[in-house]
Amino acid sequence: MAAAEAAYAAAWREATGTEVPGDPADACVGWLIRGDALVPQARRGTRDYLARAVRRDWRWGACSARERLRHRLGVVAGLTADHPRLSEVGALTGALLGAVESRWPALRPLPATCGPRADA
């Protein structure tokens, strides 16, 4: 994770000439709330995909939307559980993760890649 954060910060500095605002936990919470990572880039911002994933699942590449949601809840819960400002978000996402795993117990963990990427 440290290598990924360093690469992201370097790319951000190169692109903007500034330091990355906030911390990675803030960015990951936004990533979860937007729900846009549940669909290809061309479809992002066109509907509430978090609400849609509760009603029905769909596949994008090798992974389903609910599998992606489960993964993102786990990432955010882990990053924010002991965070000084985001521990309540950690508790909420941890509870949501438990609910997702109870409601859909057959969800698989994400593989190393969910490709092929439809938005590449």
PDB file of N, CA and C in Angstrom:
ATOM      1  N   MET A   1       0.824  -1.181   0.000  1.00  0.00           N
ATOM      2  CA  MET A   1       0.000   0.000   0.000  1.00  0.00           C
ATOM      3  C   MET A   1       0.875   1.254   0.000  1.00  0.00           C
ATOM      4  N   ALA A   2       1.974   1.220   0.732  1.00  0.00           N
ATOM      5  CA  ALA A   2       2.861   2.382   0.777  1.00  0.00           C
ATOM      6  C   ALA A   2       3.419   2.702  -0.609  1.00  0.00           C
ATOM      7  N   ALA A   3       3.777   1.665  -1.368  1.00  0.00           N
ATOM      8  CA  ALA A   3       4.298   1.890  -2.724  1.00  0.00           C
ATOM      9  C   ALA A   3       3.227   2.498  -3.619  1.00  0.00           C
ATOM     10  N   ALA A   4       1.992   2.022  -3.495  1.00  0.00           N
ATOM     11  CA  ALA A   4       0.893   2.570  -4.302  1.00  0.00           C
ATOM     12  C   ALA A   4       0.625   4.024  -3.934  1.00  0.00           C
ATOM     13  N   GLU A   5       0.638   4.339  -2.642  1.00  0.00           N
ATOM     14  CA  GLU A   5       0.420   5.715  -2.206  1.00  0.00           C
ATOM     15  C   GLU A   5       1.539   6.637  -2.698  1.00  0.00           C
ATOM     16  N   ALA A   6       2.766   6.156  -2.656  1.00  0.00           N
ATOM     17  CA  ALA A   6       3.899   6.967  -3.133  1.00  0.00           C
ATOM     18  C   ALA A   6       3.795   7.216  -4.634  1.00  0.00           C
ATOM     19  N   ALA A   7       3.417   6.191  -5.390  1.00  0.00           N
ATOM     20  CA  ALA A   7       3.255   6.356  -6.841  1.00  0.00           C
ATOM     21  C   ALA A   7       2.137   7.337  -7.146  1.00  0.00           C
ATOM     22  N   TYR A   8       1.036   7.237  -6.407  1.00  0.00           N
ATOM     23  CA  TYR A   8      -0.084   8.159  -6.602  1.00  0.00           C
ATOM     24  C   TYR A   8       0.356   9.591  -6.296  1.00  0.00           C
ATOM     25  N   ALA A   9       1.054   9.781  -5.188  1.00  0.00           N
ATOM     26  CA  ALA A   9       1.500  11.125  -4.804  1.00  0.00           C
ATOM     27  C   ALA A   9       2.463  11.701  -5.844  1.00  0.00           C
ATOM     28  N   ALA A  10       3.352  10.875  -6.375  1.00  0.00           N
ATOM     29  CA  ALA A  10       4.287  11.340  -7.399  1.00  0.00           C
ATOM     30  C   ALA A  10       3.556  11.737  -8.673  1.00  0.00           C
ATOM     31  N   ALA A  11       2.583  10.923  -9.089  1.00  0.00           N
ATOM     32  CA  ALA A  11       1.809  11.253 -10.287  1.00  0.00           C
ATOM     33  C   ALA A  11       0.993  12.522 -10.066  1.00  0.00           C
ATOM     34  N   TRP A  12       0.426  12.688  -8.877  1.00  0.00           N
ATOM     35  CA  TRP A  12      -0.343  13.891  -8.546  1.00  0.00           C
ATOM     36  C   TRP A  12       0.553  15.131  -8.625  1.00  0.00           C
ATOM     37  N   ARG A  13       1.735  15.047  -7.999  1.00  0.00           N
ATOM     38  CA  ARG A  13       2.671  16.194  -8.018  1.00  0.00           C
ATOM     39  C   ARG A  13       3.064  16.546  -9.443  1.00  0.00           C
ATOM     40  N   GLU A  14       3.341  15.521 -10.252  1.00  0.00           N
ATOM     41  CA  GLU A  14       3.738  15.765 -11.643  1.00  0.00           C
ATOM     42  C   GLU A  14       2.603  16.429 -12.427  1.00  0.00           C
ATOM     43  N   ALA A  15       1.384  15.988 -12.198  1.00  0.00           N
ATOM     44  CA  ALA A  15       0.242  16.511 -12.943  1.00  0.00           C
ATOM     45  C   ALA A  15      -0.204  17.889 -12.466  1.00  0.00           C
ATOM     46  N   THR A  16      -0.098  18.153 -11.153  1.00  0.00           N
ATOM     47  CA  THR A  16      -0.658  19.388 -10.601  1.00  0.00           C
ATOM     48  C   THR A  16       0.378  20.368 -10.064  1.00  0.00           C
ATOM     49  N   GLY A  17       1.568  19.876  -9.776  1.00  0.00           N
ATOM     50  CA  GLY A  17       2.578  20.731  -9.164  1.00  0.00           C
ATOM     51  C   GLY A  17       2.328  20.980  -7.683  1.00  0.00           C
ATOM     52  N   THR A  18       1.389  20.268  -7.089  1.00  0.00           N
ATOM     53  CA  THR A  18       1.064  20.430  -5.674  1.00  0.00           C
ATOM     54  C   THR A  18       1.094  19.079  -4.975  1.00  0.00           C
ATOM     55  N   GLU A  19       1.039  19.130  -3.660  1.00  0.00           N
ATOM     56  CA  GLU A  19       0.952  17.900  -2.881  1.00  0.00           C
ATOM     57  C   GLU A  19      -0.488  17.395  -2.885  1.00  0.00           C
ATOM     58  N   VAL A  20      -0.655  16.112  -2.680  1.00  0.00           N
ATOM     59  CA  VAL A  20      -1.985  15.509  -2.615  1.00  0.00           C
ATOM     60  C   VAL A  20      -2.727  16.090  -1.409  1.00  0.00           C
ATOM     61  N   PRO A  21      -3.933  16.623  -1.623  1.00  0.00           N
ATOM     62  CA  PRO A  21      -4.693  17.147  -0.492  1.00  0.00           C
ATOM     63  C   PRO A  21      -5.278  16.001   0.340  1.00  0.00           C
ATOM     64  N   GLY A  22      -5.392  16.184   1.633  1.00  0.00           N
ATOM     65  CA  GLY A  22      -5.994  15.167   2.488  1.00  0.00           C
ATOM     66  C   GLY A  22      -5.111  13.956   2.644  1.00  0.00           C
ATOM     67  N   ASP A  23      -5.715  12.863   3.020  1.00  0.00           N
ATOM     68  CA  ASP A  23      -4.959  11.621   3.141  1.00  0.00           C
ATOM     69  C   ASP A  23      -5.676  10.517   2.381  1.00  0.00           C
ATOM     70  N   PRO A  24      -5.022   9.383   2.169  1.00  0.00           N
ATOM     71  CA  PRO A  24      -5.626   8.311   1.370  1.00  0.00           C
ATOM     72  C   PRO A  24      -6.963   7.819   1.925  1.00  0.00           C
ATOM     73  N   ALA A  25      -7.130   7.836   3.230  1.00  0.00           N
ATOM     74  CA  ALA A  25      -8.401   7.373   3.803  1.00  0.00           C
ATOM     75  C   ALA A  25      -9.547   8.257   3.329  1.00  0.00           C
ATOM     76  N   ASP A  26      -9.335   9.587   3.283  1.00  0.00           N
ATOM     77  CA  ASP A  26     -10.372  10.495   2.771  1.00  0.00           C
ATOM     78  C   ASP A  26     -10.742  10.140   1.336  1.00  0.00           C
ATOM     79  N   ALA A  27      -9.730   9.908   0.516  1.00  0.00           N
ATOM     80  CA  ALA A  27      -9.975   9.584  -0.890  1.00  0.00           C
ATOM     81  C   ALA A  27     -10.741   8.271  -1.025  1.00  0.00           C
ATOM     82  N   CYS A  28     -10.397   7.286  -0.207  1.00  0.00           N
ATOM     83  CA  CYS A  28     -11.074   5.990  -0.290  1.00  0.00           C
ATOM     84  C   CYS A  28     -12.533   6.075   0.154  1.00  0.00           C
ATOM     85  N   VAL A  29     -12.820   6.920   1.138  1.00  0.00           N
ATOM     86  CA  VAL A  29     -14.216   7.111   1.554  1.00  0.00           C
ATOM     87  C   VAL A  29     -15.006   7.712   0.392  1.00  0.00           C
ATOM     88  N   GLY A  30     -14.443   8.719  -0.278  1.00  0.00           N
ATOM     89  CA  GLY A  30     -15.106   9.306  -1.446  1.00  0.00           C
ATOM     90  C   GLY A  30     -15.304   8.290  -2.552  1.00  0.00           C
ATOM     91  N   TRP A  31     -14.304   7.451  -2.760  1.00  0.00           N
ATOM     92  CA  TRP A  31     -14.344   6.395  -3.786  1.00  0.00           C
ATOM     93  C   TRP A  31     -15.502   5.448  -3.509  1.00  0.00           C
ATOM     94  N   LEU A  32     -15.723   5.110  -2.247  1.00  0.00           N
ATOM     95  CA  LEU A  32     -16.826   4.226  -1.883  1.00  0.00           C
ATOM     96  C   LEU A  32     -18.174   4.916  -2.057  1.00  0.00           C
ATOM     97  N   ILE A  33     -18.303   6.135  -1.547  1.00  0.00           N
ATOM     98  CA  ILE A  33     -19.583   6.845  -1.554  1.00  0.00           C
ATOM     99  C   ILE A  33     -20.063   7.127  -2.975  1.00  0.00           C
ATOM    100  N   ARG A  34     -19.148   7.519  -3.859  1.00  0.00           N
ATOM    101  CA  ARG A  34     -19.557   7.807  -5.240  1.00  0.00           C
ATOM    102  C   ARG A  34     -20.113   6.577  -5.939  1.00  0.00           C
ATOM    103  N   GLY A  35     -19.590   5.404  -5.642  1.00  0.00           N
ATOM    104  CA  GLY A  35     -20.104   4.182  -6.259  1.00  0.00           C
ATOM    105  C   GLY A  35     -19.768   4.047  -7.729  1.00  0.00           C
ATOM    106  N   ASP A  36     -19.080   5.021  -8.294  1.00  0.00           N
ATOM    107  CA  ASP A  36     -18.794   5.001  -9.728  1.00  0.00           C
ATOM    108  C   ASP A  36     -17.841   3.875 -10.133  1.00  0.00           C
ATOM    109  N   ALA A  37     -17.062   3.372  -9.214  1.00  0.00           N
ATOM    110  CA  ALA A  37     -16.116   2.314  -9.570  1.00  0.00           C
ATOM    111  C   ALA A  37     -16.813   0.961  -9.746  1.00  0.00           C
ATOM    112  N   LEU A  38     -18.123   0.949  -9.654  1.00  0.00           N
ATOM    113  CA  LEU A  38     -18.880  -0.279  -9.879  1.00  0.00           C
ATOM    114  C   LEU A  38     -19.225  -0.474 -11.350  1.00  0.00           C
ATOM    115  N   VAL A  39     -18.921   0.530 -12.186  1.00  0.00           N
ATOM    116  CA  VAL A  39     -19.259   0.472 -13.612  1.00  0.00           C
ATOM    117  C   VAL A  39     -18.110   1.039 -14.439  1.00  0.00           C
ATOM    118  N   PRO A  40     -18.092   0.724 -15.742  1.00  0.00           N
ATOM    119  CA  PRO A  40     -17.059   1.308 -16.612  1.00  0.00           C
ATOM    120  C   PRO A  40     -17.117   2.839 -16.607  1.00  0.00           C
ATOM    121  N   GLN A  41     -15.989   3.457 -16.862  1.00  0.00           N
ATOM    122  CA  GLN A  41     -15.869   4.912 -16.804  1.00  0.00           C
ATOM    123  C   GLN A  41     -16.902   5.637 -17.661  1.00  0.00           C
ATOM    124  N   ALA A  42     -17.217   5.109 -18.814  1.00  0.00           N
ATOM    125  CA  ALA A  42     -18.177   5.770 -19.713  1.00  0.00           C
ATOM    126  C   ALA A  42     -19.568   5.881 -19.103  1.00  0.00           C
ATOM    127  N   ARG A  43     -19.897   5.036 -18.126  1.00  0.00           N
ATOM    128  CA  ARG A  43     -21.227   5.053 -17.516  1.00  0.00           C
ATOM    129  C   ARG A  43     -21.253   5.780 -16.170  1.00  0.00           C
ATOM    130  N   ARG A  44     -20.118   6.247 -15.701  1.00  0.00           N
ATOM    131  CA  ARG A  44     -20.054   6.882 -14.386  1.00  0.00           C
ATOM    132  C   ARG A  44     -20.795   8.207 -14.366  1.00  0.00           C
ATOM    133  N   GLY A  45     -21.403   8.496 -13.220  1.00  0.00           N
ATOM    134  CA  GLY A  45     -22.122   9.748 -13.053  1.00  0.00           C
ATOM    135  C   GLY A  45     -23.500   9.761 -13.684  1.00  0.00           C
ATOM    136  N   THR A  46     -23.974   8.598 -14.154  1.00  0.00           N
ATOM    137  CA  THR A  46     -25.261   8.580 -14.849  1.00  0.00           C
ATOM    138  C   THR A  46     -26.414   8.071 -13.998  1.00  0.00           C
ATOM    139  N   ARG A  47     -26.125   7.449 -12.848  1.00  0.00           N
ATOM    140  CA  ARG A  47     -27.179   6.976 -11.948  1.00  0.00           C
ATOM    141  C   ARG A  47     -26.567   6.584 -10.616  1.00  0.00           C
ATOM    142  N   ASP A  48     -27.403   6.249  -9.653  1.00  0.00           N
ATOM    143  CA  ASP A  48     -26.954   5.854  -8.321  1.00  0.00           C
ATOM    144  C   ASP A  48     -26.658   4.356  -8.336  1.00  0.00           C
ATOM    145  N   TYR A  49     -25.397   4.006  -8.589  1.00  0.00           N
ATOM    146  CA  TYR A  49     -25.045   2.601  -8.721  1.00  0.00           C
ATOM    147  C   TYR A  49     -25.005   1.878  -7.384  1.00  0.00           C
ATOM    148  N   LEU A  50     -24.783   2.582  -6.278  1.00  0.00           N
ATOM    149  CA  LEU A  50     -24.840   1.925  -4.975  1.00  0.00           C
ATOM    150  C   LEU A  50     -26.256   1.414  -4.710  1.00  0.00           C
ATOM    151  N   ALA A  51     -27.250   2.245  -4.936  1.00  0.00           N
ATOM    152  CA  ALA A  51     -28.638   1.829  -4.733  1.00  0.00           C
ATOM    153  C   ALA A  51     -29.008   0.715  -5.708  1.00  0.00           C
ATOM    154  N   ARG A  52     -28.542   0.798  -6.919  1.00  0.00           N
ATOM    155  CA  ARG A  52     -28.851  -0.223  -7.920  1.00  0.00           C
ATOM    156  C   ARG A  52     -28.260  -1.572  -7.531  1.00  0.00           C
ATOM    157  N   ALA A  53     -27.055  -1.590  -6.939  1.00  0.00           N
ATOM    158  CA  ALA A  53     -26.406  -2.848  -6.552  1.00  0.00           C
ATOM    159  C   ALA A  53     -27.189  -3.577  -5.463  1.00  0.00           C
ATOM    160  N   VAL A  54     -27.930  -2.834  -4.650  1.00  0.00           N
ATOM    161  CA  VAL A  54     -28.766  -3.472  -3.630  1.00  0.00           C
ATOM    162  C   VAL A  54     -29.926  -4.210  -4.289  1.00  0.00           C
ATOM    163  N   ARG A  55     -30.475  -3.633  -5.337  1.00  0.00           N
ATOM    164  CA  ARG A  55     -31.631  -4.234  -6.017  1.00  0.00           C
ATOM    165  C   ARG A  55     -31.251  -5.375  -6.949  1.00  0.00           C
ATOM    166  N   ARG A  56     -30.111  -5.235  -7.643  1.00  0.00           N
ATOM    167  CA  ARG A  56     -29.694  -6.304  -8.555  1.00  0.00           C
ATOM    168  C   ARG A  56     -28.191  -6.214  -8.795  1.00  0.00           C
ATOM    169  N   ASP A  57     -27.602  -7.356  -9.058  1.00  0.00           N
ATOM    170  CA  ASP A  57     -26.161  -7.431  -9.313  1.00  0.00           C
ATOM    171  C   ASP A  57     -25.922  -7.466 -10.821  1.00  0.00           C
ATOM    172  N   TRP A  58     -24.757  -7.092 -11.251  1.00  0.00           N
ATOM    173  CA  TRP A  58     -24.369  -7.186 -12.655  1.00  0.00           C
ATOM    174  C   TRP A  58     -22.875  -7.430 -12.717  1.00  0.00           C
ATOM    175  N   ARG A  59     -22.425  -7.896 -13.842  1.00  0.00           N
ATOM    176  CA  ARG A  59     -21.003  -8.197 -14.019  1.00  0.00           C
ATOM    177  C   ARG A  59     -20.348  -7.114 -14.862  1.00  0.00           C
ATOM    178  N   TRP A  60     -19.113  -6.856 -14.536  1.00  0.00           N
ATOM    179  CA  TRP A  60     -18.236  -6.003 -15.329  1.00  0.00           C
ATOM    180  C   TRP A  60     -16.902  -6.718 -15.310  1.00  0.00           C
ATOM    181  N   GLY A  61     -16.533  -7.283 -16.426  1.00  0.00           N
ATOM    182  CA  GLY A  61     -15.338  -8.114 -16.460  1.00  0.00           C
ATOM    183  C   GLY A  61     -15.569  -9.381 -15.655  1.00  0.00           C
ATOM    184  N   ALA A  62     -14.580  -9.774 -14.878  1.00  0.00           N
ATOM    185  CA  ALA A  62     -14.660 -11.012 -14.103  1.00  0.00           C
ATOM    186  C   ALA A  62     -15.334 -10.835 -12.751  1.00  0.00           C
ATOM    187  N   CYS A  63     -15.728  -9.620 -12.393  1.00  0.00           N
ATOM    188  CA  CYS A  63     -16.268  -9.342 -11.063  1.00  0.00           C
ATOM    189  C   CYS A  63     -17.667  -8.750 -11.147  1.00  0.00           C
ATOM    190  N   SER A  64     -18.448  -9.043 -10.123  1.00  0.00           N
ATOM    191  CA  SER A  64     -19.783  -8.457 -10.069  1.00  0.00           C
ATOM    192  C   SER A  64     -19.741  -7.130  -9.313  1.00  0.00           C
ATOM    193  N   ALA A  65     -20.768  -6.349  -9.482  1.00  0.00           N
ATOM    194  CA  ALA A  65     -20.855  -5.063  -8.772  1.00  0.00           C
ATOM    195  C   ALA A  65     -20.864  -5.293  -7.263  1.00  0.00           C
ATOM    196  N   ARG A  66     -21.579  -6.300  -6.814  1.00  0.00           N
ATOM    197  CA  ARG A  66     -21.633  -6.571  -5.375  1.00  0.00           C
ATOM    198  C   ARG A  66     -20.290  -7.046  -4.838  1.00  0.00           C
ATOM    199  N   GLU A  67     -19.552  -7.798  -5.639  1.00  0.00           N
ATOM    200  CA  GLU A  67     -18.201  -8.197  -5.217  1.00  0.00           C
ATOM    201  C   GLU A  67     -17.294  -6.972  -5.102  1.00  0.00           C
ATOM    202  N   ARG A  68     -17.416  -6.052  -6.038  1.00  0.00           N
ATOM    203  CA  ARG A  68     -16.639  -4.811  -5.966  1.00  0.00           C
ATOM    204  C   ARG A  68     -17.045  -3.983  -4.751  1.00  0.00           C
ATOM    205  N   LEU A  69     -18.351  -3.908  -4.485  1.00  0.00           N
ATOM    206  CA  LEU A  69     -18.843  -3.165  -3.332  1.00  0.00           C
ATOM    207  C   LEU A  69     -18.323  -3.788  -2.031  1.00  0.00           C
ATOM    208  N   ARG A  70     -18.394  -5.108  -1.932  1.00  0.00           N
ATOM    209  CA  ARG A  70     -17.877  -5.798  -0.746  1.00  0.00           C
ATOM    210  C   ARG A  70     -16.396  -5.472  -0.543  1.00  0.00           C
ATOM    211  N   HIS A  71     -15.631  -5.514  -1.606  1.00  0.00           N
ATOM    212  CA  HIS A  71     -14.202  -5.208  -1.525  1.00  0.00           C
ATOM    213  C   HIS A  71     -13.970  -3.777  -1.033  1.00  0.00           C
ATOM    214  N   ARG A  72     -14.690  -2.824  -1.611  1.00  0.00           N
ATOM    215  CA  ARG A  72     -14.509  -1.422  -1.253  1.00  0.00           C
ATOM    216  C   ARG A  72     -14.908  -1.161   0.199  1.00  0.00           C
ATOM    217  N   LEU A  73     -15.980  -1.797   0.655  1.00  0.00           N
ATOM    218  CA  LEU A  73     -16.371  -1.660   2.061  1.00  0.00           C
ATOM    219  C   LEU A  73     -15.259  -2.176   2.977  1.00  0.00           C
ATOM    220  N   GLY A  74     -14.659  -3.292   2.600  1.00  0.00           N
ATOM    221  CA  GLY A  74     -13.564  -3.836   3.405  1.00  0.00           C
ATOM    222  C   GLY A  74     -12.349  -2.925   3.438  1.00  0.00           C
ATOM    223  N   VAL A  75     -12.006  -2.347   2.292  1.00  0.00           N
ATOM    224  CA  VAL A  75     -10.869  -1.427   2.231  1.00  0.00           C
ATOM    225  C   VAL A  75     -11.113  -0.208   3.114  1.00  0.00           C
ATOM    226  N   VAL A  76     -12.272   0.402   2.959  1.00  0.00           N
ATOM    227  CA  VAL A  76     -12.581   1.613   3.731  1.00  0.00           C
ATOM    228  C   VAL A  76     -12.693   1.286   5.219  1.00  0.00           C
ATOM    229  N   ALA A  77     -13.331   0.175   5.567  1.00  0.00           N
ATOM    230  CA  ALA A  77     -13.442  -0.205   6.978  1.00  0.00           C
ATOM    231  C   ALA A  77     -12.054  -0.386   7.588  1.00  0.00           C
ATOM    232  N   GLY A  78     -11.163  -1.023   6.863  1.00  0.00           N
ATOM    233  CA  GLY A  78      -9.809  -1.238   7.359  1.00  0.00           C
ATOM    234  C   GLY A  78      -9.004   0.043   7.495  1.00  0.00           C
ATOM    235  N   LEU A  79      -9.125   0.926   6.513  1.00  0.00           N
ATOM    236  CA  LEU A  79      -8.361   2.177   6.545  1.00  0.00           C
ATOM    237  C   LEU A  79      -8.857   3.161   7.597  1.00  0.00           C
ATOM    238  N   THR A  80     -10.121   3.077   7.936  1.00  0.00           N
ATOM    239  CA  THR A  80     -10.695   4.106   8.803  1.00  0.00           C
ATOM    240  C   THR A  80     -10.998   3.629  10.221  1.00  0.00           C
ATOM    241  N   ALA A  81     -10.864   2.342  10.494  1.00  0.00           N
ATOM    242  CA  ALA A  81     -11.237   1.805  11.808  1.00  0.00           C
ATOM    243  C   ALA A  81     -10.559   2.551  12.955  1.00  0.00           C
ATOM    244  N   ASP A  82      -9.275   2.833  12.846  1.00  0.00           N
ATOM    245  CA  ASP A  82      -8.531   3.514  13.910  1.00  0.00           C
ATOM    246  C   ASP A  82      -8.103   4.920  13.507  1.00  0.00           C
ATOM    247  N   HIS A  83      -8.698   5.448  12.457  1.00  0.00           N
ATOM    248  CA  HIS A  83      -8.353   6.782  11.963  1.00  0.00           C
ATOM    249  C   HIS A  83      -8.872   7.823  12.952  1.00  0.00           C
ATOM    250  N   PRO A  84      -8.068   8.836  13.294  1.00  0.00           N
ATOM    251  CA  PRO A  84      -8.512   9.813  14.298  1.00  0.00           C
ATOM    252  C   PRO A  84      -9.769  10.593  13.923  1.00  0.00           C
ATOM    253  N   ARG A  85      -9.991  10.850  12.649  1.00  0.00           N
ATOM    254  CA  ARG A  85     -11.179  11.614  12.237  1.00  0.00           C
ATOM    255  C   ARG A  85     -12.271  10.755  11.619  1.00  0.00           C
ATOM    256  N   LEU A  86     -11.928   9.546  11.197  1.00  0.00           N
ATOM    257  CA  LEU A  86     -12.874   8.748  10.412  1.00  0.00           C
ATOM    258  C   LEU A  86     -13.260   7.429  11.079  1.00  0.00           C
ATOM    259  N   SER A  87     -13.034   7.296  12.369  1.00  0.00           N
ATOM    260  CA  SER A  87     -13.326   6.019  13.030  1.00  0.00           C
ATOM    261  C   SER A  87     -14.813   5.678  12.981  1.00  0.00           C
ATOM    262  N   GLU A  88     -15.689   6.685  12.999  1.00  0.00           N
ATOM    263  CA  GLU A  88     -17.125   6.397  12.895  1.00  0.00           C
ATOM    264  C   GLU A  88     -17.475   5.893  11.499  1.00  0.00           C
ATOM    265  N   VAL A  89     -16.789   6.403  10.487  1.00  0.00           N
ATOM    266  CA  VAL A  89     -16.970   5.868   9.133  1.00  0.00           C
ATOM    267  C   VAL A  89     -16.496   4.416   9.104  1.00  0.00           C
ATOM    268  N   GLY A  90     -15.404   4.142   9.820  1.00  0.00           N
ATOM    269  CA  GLY A  90     -14.913   2.767   9.908  1.00  0.00           C
ATOM    270  C   GLY A  90     -15.932   1.840  10.536  1.00  0.00           C
ATOM    271  N   ALA A  91     -16.577   2.302  11.605  1.00  0.00           N
ATOM    272  CA  ALA A  91     -17.609   1.482  12.253  1.00  0.00           C
ATOM    273  C   ALA A  91     -18.792   1.254  11.312  1.00  0.00           C
ATOM    274  N   LEU A  92     -19.210   2.306  10.619  1.00  0.00           N
ATOM    275  CA  LEU A  92     -20.332   2.187   9.682  1.00  0.00           C
ATOM    276  C   LEU A  92     -19.998   1.242   8.535  1.00  0.00           C
ATOM    277  N   THR A  93     -18.849   1.426   7.912  1.00  0.00           N
ATOM    278  CA  THR A  93     -18.512   0.572   6.770  1.00  0.00           C
ATOM    279  C   THR A  93     -18.261  -0.861   7.219  1.00  0.00           C
ATOM    280  N   GLY A  94     -17.733  -1.051   8.418  1.00  0.00           N
ATOM    281  CA  GLY A  94     -17.577  -2.405   8.946  1.00  0.00           C
ATOM    282  C   GLY A  94     -18.933  -3.080   9.130  1.00  0.00           C
ATOM    283  N   ALA A  95     -19.898  -2.328   9.657  1.00  0.00           N
ATOM    284  CA  ALA A  95     -21.255  -2.870   9.823  1.00  0.00           C
ATOM    285  C   ALA A  95     -21.896  -3.158   8.467  1.00  0.00           C
ATOM    286  N   LEU A  96     -21.709  -2.258   7.511  1.00  0.00           N
ATOM    287  CA  LEU A  96     -22.252  -2.490   6.166  1.00  0.00           C
ATOM    288  C   LEU A  96     -21.611  -3.714   5.524  1.00  0.00           C
ATOM    289  N   LEU A  97     -20.316  -3.882   5.721  1.00  0.00           N
ATOM    290  CA  LEU A  97     -19.628  -5.055   5.193  1.00  0.00           C
ATOM    291  C   LEU A  97     -20.238  -6.328   5.779  1.00  0.00           C
ATOM    292  N   GLY A  98     -20.476  -6.330   7.082  1.00  0.00           N
ATOM    293  CA  GLY A  98     -21.112  -7.486   7.709  1.00  0.00           C
ATOM    294  C   GLY A  98     -22.493  -7.761   7.131  1.00  0.00           C
ATOM    295  N   ALA A  99     -23.255  -6.705   6.887  1.00  0.00           N
ATOM    296  CA  ALA A  99     -24.596  -6.868   6.315  1.00  0.00           C
ATOM    297  C   ALA A  99     -24.525  -7.410   4.888  1.00  0.00           C
ATOM    298  N   VAL A 100     -23.591  -6.898   4.096  1.00  0.00           N
ATOM    299  CA  VAL A 100     -23.417  -7.378   2.715  1.00  0.00           C
ATOM    300  C   VAL A 100     -23.040  -8.852   2.728  1.00  0.00           C
ATOM    301  N   GLU A 101     -22.108  -9.233   3.598  1.00  0.00           N
ATOM    302  CA  GLU A 101     -21.677 -10.635   3.651  1.00  0.00           C
ATOM    303  C   GLU A 101     -22.793 -11.548   4.151  1.00  0.00           C
ATOM    304  N   SER A 102     -23.649 -11.050   5.045  1.00  0.00           N
ATOM    305  CA  SER A 102     -24.793 -11.852   5.518  1.00  0.00           C
ATOM    306  C   SER A 102     -25.863 -11.993   4.443  1.00  0.00           C
ATOM    307  N   ARG A 103     -26.125 -10.887   3.750  1.00  0.00           N
ATOM    308  CA  ARG A 103     -27.192 -10.899   2.740  1.00  0.00           C
ATOM    309  C   ARG A 103     -26.801 -11.690   1.502  1.00  0.00           C
ATOM    310  N   TRP A 104     -25.532 -11.595   1.109  1.00  0.00           N
ATOM    311  CA  TRP A 104     -25.046 -12.278  -0.097  1.00  0.00           C
ATOM    312  C   TRP A 104     -23.803 -13.113   0.247  1.00  0.00           C
ATOM    313  N   PRO A 105     -23.987 -14.216   0.955  1.00  0.00           N
ATOM    314  CA  PRO A 105     -22.835 -14.991   1.428  1.00  0.00           C
ATOM    315  C   PRO A 105     -22.019 -15.655   0.317  1.00  0.00           C
ATOM    316  N   ALA A 106     -22.545 -15.772  -0.864  1.00  0.00           N
ATOM    317  CA  ALA A 106     -21.819 -16.433  -1.957  1.00  0.00           C
ATOM    318  C   ALA A 106     -20.855 -15.498  -2.691  1.00  0.00           C
ATOM    319  N   LEU A 107     -20.781 -14.227  -2.303  1.00  0.00           N
ATOM    320  CA  LEU A 107     -19.860 -13.304  -2.976  1.00  0.00           C
ATOM    321  C   LEU A 107     -18.426 -13.790  -2.801  1.00  0.00           C
ATOM    322  N   ARG A 108     -17.689 -13.731  -3.880  1.00  0.00           N
ATOM    323  CA  ARG A 108     -16.293 -14.154  -3.860  1.00  0.00           C
ATOM    324  C   ARG A 108     -15.390 -12.950  -3.621  1.00  0.00           C
ATOM    325  N   PRO A 109     -14.220 -13.175  -2.999  1.00  0.00           N
ATOM    326  CA  PRO A 109     -13.238 -12.090  -2.925  1.00  0.00           C
ATOM    327  C   PRO A 109     -12.791 -11.718  -4.336  1.00  0.00           C
ATOM    328  N   LEU A 110     -12.390 -10.481  -4.520  1.00  0.00           N
ATOM    329  CA  LEU A 110     -11.920 -10.070  -5.843  1.00  0.00           C
ATOM    330  C   LEU A 110     -10.631 -10.791  -6.194  1.00  0.00           C
ATOM    331  N   PRO A 111     -10.498 -11.199  -7.452  1.00  0.00           N
ATOM    332  CA  PRO A 111      -9.206 -11.751  -7.900  1.00  0.00           C
ATOM    333  C   PRO A 111      -8.202 -10.625  -8.045  1.00  0.00           C
ATOM    334  N   ALA A 112      -6.976 -10.969  -8.348  1.00  0.00           N
ATOM    335  CA  ALA A 112      -5.937  -9.954  -8.518  1.00  0.00           C
ATOM    336  C   ALA A 112      -6.321  -8.925  -9.572  1.00  0.00           C
ATOM    337  N   THR A 113      -7.080  -9.344 -10.578  1.00  0.00           N
ATOM    338  CA  THR A 113      -7.567  -8.429 -11.595  1.00  0.00           C
ATOM    339  C   THR A 113      -9.013  -8.789 -11.936  1.00  0.00           C
ATOM    340  N   CYS A 114      -9.806  -7.777 -12.187  1.00  0.00           N
ATOM    341  CA  CYS A 114     -11.195  -8.018 -12.581  1.00  0.00           C
ATOM    342  C   CYS A 114     -11.374  -7.797 -14.069  1.00  0.00           C
ATOM    343  N   GLY A 115     -10.296  -7.611 -14.805  1.00  0.00           N
ATOM    344  CA  GLY A 115     -10.326  -7.311 -16.223  1.00  0.00           C
ATOM    345  C   GLY A 115     -11.142  -8.307 -17.015  1.00  0.00           C
ATOM    346  N   PRO A 116     -11.294  -8.164 -18.311  1.00  0.00           N
ATOM    347  CA  PRO A 116     -10.740  -7.023 -19.032  1.00  0.00           C
ATOM    348  C   PRO A 116     -11.478  -5.744 -18.715  1.00  0.00           C
ATOM    349  N   ARG A 117     -10.742  -4.651 -18.679  1.00  0.00           N
ATOM    350  CA  ARG A 117     -11.358  -3.368 -18.352  1.00  0.00           C
ATOM    351  C   ARG A 117     -12.143  -2.867 -19.545  1.00  0.00           C
ATOM    352  N   ALA A 118     -13.402  -2.583 -19.296  1.00  0.00           N
ATOM    353  CA  ALA A 118     -14.277  -2.090 -20.355  1.00  0.00           C
ATOM    354  C   ALA A 118     -14.019  -0.620 -20.652  1.00  0.00           C
ATOM    355  N   ASP A 119     -13.368   0.099 -19.717  1.00  0.00           N
ATOM    356  CA  ASP A 119     -13.178   1.531 -19.913  1.00  0.00           C
ATOM    357  C   ASP A 119     -11.748   1.858 -20.328  1.00  0.00           C
ATOM    358  N   ALA A 120     -10.933   0.854 -20.581  1.00  0.00           N
ATOM    359  CA  ALA A 120      -9.534   1.116 -20.920  1.00  0.00           C
ATOM    360  C   ALA A 120      -9.389   1.635 -22.334  1.00  0.00           C
TER     361      ALA A 120
END
